């Protein structure tokens, strides 16, 4: 099973000071490493998963949780007002494609 960190509450995904300390994050650029970027950037990072599992509610501002999904799933993070969920990746078209 794959473990992925998501924000399970409305608002922004933000690591707490405790989680940033645990991960060795000291500046804004490093902080961005774990934010929602193109659906999945580093949310399955083993150190991030460990920090959220160990710190629980103290891992983030809002509520960060670890979701487990099957290993063979190609996934993305979808969100609405900051409340995230894992979805299986699939193709979409909106009419703007060039032939």
C-alpha atoms as a PDB file:
ATOM      1  CA  UNK A   1       0.000   0.000   0.000  1.00  0.00           C
ATOM      2  CA  UNK A   2       1.070   3.588  -0.730  1.00  0.00           C
ATOM      3  CA  UNK A   3       0.784   6.211   2.009  1.00  0.00           C
ATOM      4  CA  UNK A   4      -0.085   9.770   1.011  1.00  0.00           C
ATOM      5  CA  UNK A   5      -0.584  12.880   3.159  1.00  0.00           C
ATOM      6  CA  UNK A   6      -3.629  15.032   2.496  1.00  0.00           C
ATOM      7  CA  UNK A   7      -5.305  18.003   4.158  1.00  0.00           C
ATOM      8  CA  UNK A   8      -8.663  16.779   5.464  1.00  0.00           C
ATOM      9  CA  UNK A   9     -10.221  20.140   6.309  1.00  0.00           C
ATOM     10  CA  UNK A  10     -11.075  23.392   4.576  1.00  0.00           C
ATOM     11  CA  UNK A  11      -8.194  25.862   4.357  1.00  0.00           C
ATOM     12  CA  UNK A  12      -4.583  25.667   3.284  1.00  0.00           C
ATOM     13  CA  UNK A  13      -2.218  22.702   3.561  1.00  0.00           C
ATOM     14  CA  UNK A  14       0.366  23.919   6.049  1.00  0.00           C
ATOM     15  CA  UNK A  15       2.851  22.050   8.183  1.00  0.00           C
ATOM     16  CA  UNK A  16       3.135  22.991  11.845  1.00  0.00           C
ATOM     17  CA  UNK A  17       6.383  24.270  13.351  1.00  0.00           C
ATOM     18  CA  UNK A  18       6.868  20.838  14.973  1.00  0.00           C
ATOM     19  CA  UNK A  19       6.519  19.067  11.627  1.00  0.00           C
ATOM     20  CA  UNK A  20       8.837  21.539   9.883  1.00  0.00           C
ATOM     21  CA  UNK A  21      11.431  21.002  12.623  1.00  0.00           C
ATOM     22  CA  UNK A  22      11.088  17.229  12.301  1.00  0.00           C
ATOM     23  CA  UNK A  23      11.594  17.476   8.514  1.00  0.00           C
ATOM     24  CA  UNK A  24      14.450  19.980   8.758  1.00  0.00           C
ATOM     25  CA  UNK A  25      12.541  22.666   6.867  1.00  0.00           C
ATOM     26  CA  UNK A  26      14.086  26.051   7.575  1.00  0.00           C
ATOM     27  CA  UNK A  27      12.987  28.374   4.771  1.00  0.00           C
ATOM     28  CA  UNK A  28      10.061  29.155   2.500  1.00  0.00           C
ATOM     29  CA  UNK A  29      11.560  27.368  -0.522  1.00  0.00           C
ATOM     30  CA  UNK A  30      11.945  24.120   1.421  1.00  0.00           C
ATOM     31  CA  UNK A  31       8.426  24.559   2.799  1.00  0.00           C
ATOM     32  CA  UNK A  32       7.003  24.597  -0.730  1.00  0.00           C
ATOM     33  CA  UNK A  33       8.428  21.121  -1.329  1.00  0.00           C
ATOM     34  CA  UNK A  34       5.391  19.572   0.359  1.00  0.00           C
ATOM     35  CA  UNK A  35       2.621  21.853  -0.844  1.00  0.00           C
ATOM     36  CA  UNK A  36      -0.065  20.964  -3.382  1.00  0.00           C
ATOM     37  CA  UNK A  37       1.727  21.286  -6.717  1.00  0.00           C
ATOM     38  CA  UNK A  38       0.328  19.700  -9.881  1.00  0.00           C
ATOM     39  CA  UNK A  39      -1.688  17.223  -7.855  1.00  0.00           C
ATOM     40  CA  UNK A  40       0.897  15.278  -5.914  1.00  0.00           C
ATOM     41  CA  UNK A  41       4.357  16.717  -5.350  1.00  0.00           C
ATOM     42  CA  UNK A  42       6.057  14.802  -2.537  1.00  0.00           C
ATOM     43  CA  UNK A  43       2.918  13.972  -0.585  1.00  0.00           C
ATOM     44  CA  UNK A  44       4.099  10.354  -0.541  1.00  0.00           C
ATOM     45  CA  UNK A  45       7.522  11.297   0.832  1.00  0.00           C
ATOM     46  CA  UNK A  46       8.309   8.738   3.580  1.00  0.00           C
ATOM     47  CA  UNK A  47       9.623  11.413   5.964  1.00  0.00           C
ATOM     48  CA  UNK A  48       6.475  13.525   5.562  1.00  0.00           C
ATOM     49  CA  UNK A  49       4.278  10.460   6.109  1.00  0.00           C
ATOM     50  CA  UNK A  50       6.274   9.534   9.224  1.00  0.00           C
ATOM     51  CA  UNK A  51       5.998  13.080  10.625  1.00  0.00           C
ATOM     52  CA  UNK A  52       2.212  13.149  10.161  1.00  0.00           C
ATOM     53  CA  UNK A  53       1.786   9.672  11.626  1.00  0.00           C
ATOM     54  CA  UNK A  54       3.937  10.480  14.654  1.00  0.00           C
ATOM     55  CA  UNK A  55       2.638  14.005  15.333  1.00  0.00           C
ATOM     56  CA  UNK A  56      -1.028  13.366  14.543  1.00  0.00           C
ATOM     57  CA  UNK A  57      -3.088  16.544  14.901  1.00  0.00           C
ATOM     58  CA  UNK A  58       0.070  18.483  15.783  1.00  0.00           C
ATOM     59  CA  UNK A  59       1.519  17.882  12.276  1.00  0.00           C
ATOM     60  CA  UNK A  60      -0.320  20.668  10.536  1.00  0.00           C
ATOM     61  CA  UNK A  61      -2.535  23.682  10.581  1.00  0.00           C
ATOM     62  CA  UNK A  62      -6.002  22.256   9.982  1.00  0.00           C
ATOM     63  CA  UNK A  63      -5.949  18.493   9.792  1.00  0.00           C
ATOM     64  CA  UNK A  64      -3.332  16.452   7.957  1.00  0.00           C
ATOM     65  CA  UNK A  65      -3.993  12.740   7.592  1.00  0.00           C
ATOM     66  CA  UNK A  66      -2.335   9.756   5.937  1.00  0.00           C
ATOM     67  CA  UNK A  67      -4.423   7.881   3.362  1.00  0.00           C
ATOM     68  CA  UNK A  68      -3.436   4.415   2.152  1.00  0.00           C
ATOM     69  CA  UNK A  69      -4.175   3.304  -1.399  1.00  0.00           C
ATOM     70  CA  UNK A  70      -3.113   0.243  -3.441  1.00  0.00           C
ATOM     71  CA  UNK A  71       0.437   0.302  -4.817  1.00  0.00           C
ATOM     72  CA  UNK A  72      -0.643   0.026  -8.455  1.00  0.00           C
ATOM     73  CA  UNK A  73      -2.833   3.151  -8.466  1.00  0.00           C
ATOM     74  CA  UNK A  74      -1.647   6.215 -10.416  1.00  0.00           C
ATOM     75  CA  UNK A  75      -3.059   8.957  -8.214  1.00  0.00           C
ATOM     76  CA  UNK A  76      -3.634  12.703  -8.005  1.00  0.00           C
ATOM     77  CA  UNK A  77      -4.792  14.997  -5.234  1.00  0.00           C
ATOM     78  CA  UNK A  78      -8.029  16.854  -5.877  1.00  0.00           C
ATOM     79  CA  UNK A  79      -9.218  19.619  -3.595  1.00  0.00           C
ATOM     80  CA  UNK A  80     -12.095  21.964  -2.947  1.00  0.00           C
ATOM     81  CA  UNK A  81     -11.372  24.980  -0.731  1.00  0.00           C
ATOM     82  CA  UNK A  82      -8.383  23.115   0.687  1.00  0.00           C
ATOM     83  CA  UNK A  83     -10.268  19.919   1.575  1.00  0.00           C
ATOM     84  CA  UNK A  84      -8.316  17.265  -0.320  1.00  0.00           C
ATOM     85  CA  UNK A  85      -8.934  13.719  -1.508  1.00  0.00           C
ATOM     86  CA  UNK A  86      -6.982  11.138  -3.474  1.00  0.00           C
ATOM     87  CA  UNK A  87      -8.359  10.206  -6.884  1.00  0.00           C
ATOM     88  CA  UNK A  88      -7.145   7.740  -9.443  1.00  0.00           C
ATOM     89  CA  UNK A  89      -5.514   9.646 -12.318  1.00  0.00           C
ATOM     90  CA  UNK A  90      -7.305   9.514 -15.639  1.00  0.00           C
ATOM     91  CA  UNK A  91      -7.341  11.436 -18.894  1.00  0.00           C
ATOM     92  CA  UNK A  92      -9.624  14.419 -19.458  1.00  0.00           C
ATOM     93  CA  UNK A  93     -10.346  16.649 -22.447  1.00  0.00           C
ATOM     94  CA  UNK A  94     -11.886  20.106 -22.459  1.00  0.00           C
ATOM     95  CA  UNK A  95     -11.912  20.972 -26.165  1.00  0.00           C
ATOM     96  CA  UNK A  96      -8.713  23.003 -26.098  1.00  0.00           C
ATOM     97  CA  UNK A  97      -6.519  20.230 -27.489  1.00  0.00           C
ATOM     98  CA  UNK A  98      -4.656  20.864 -30.731  1.00  0.00           C
ATOM     99  CA  UNK A  99      -4.904  18.201 -33.451  1.00  0.00           C
END
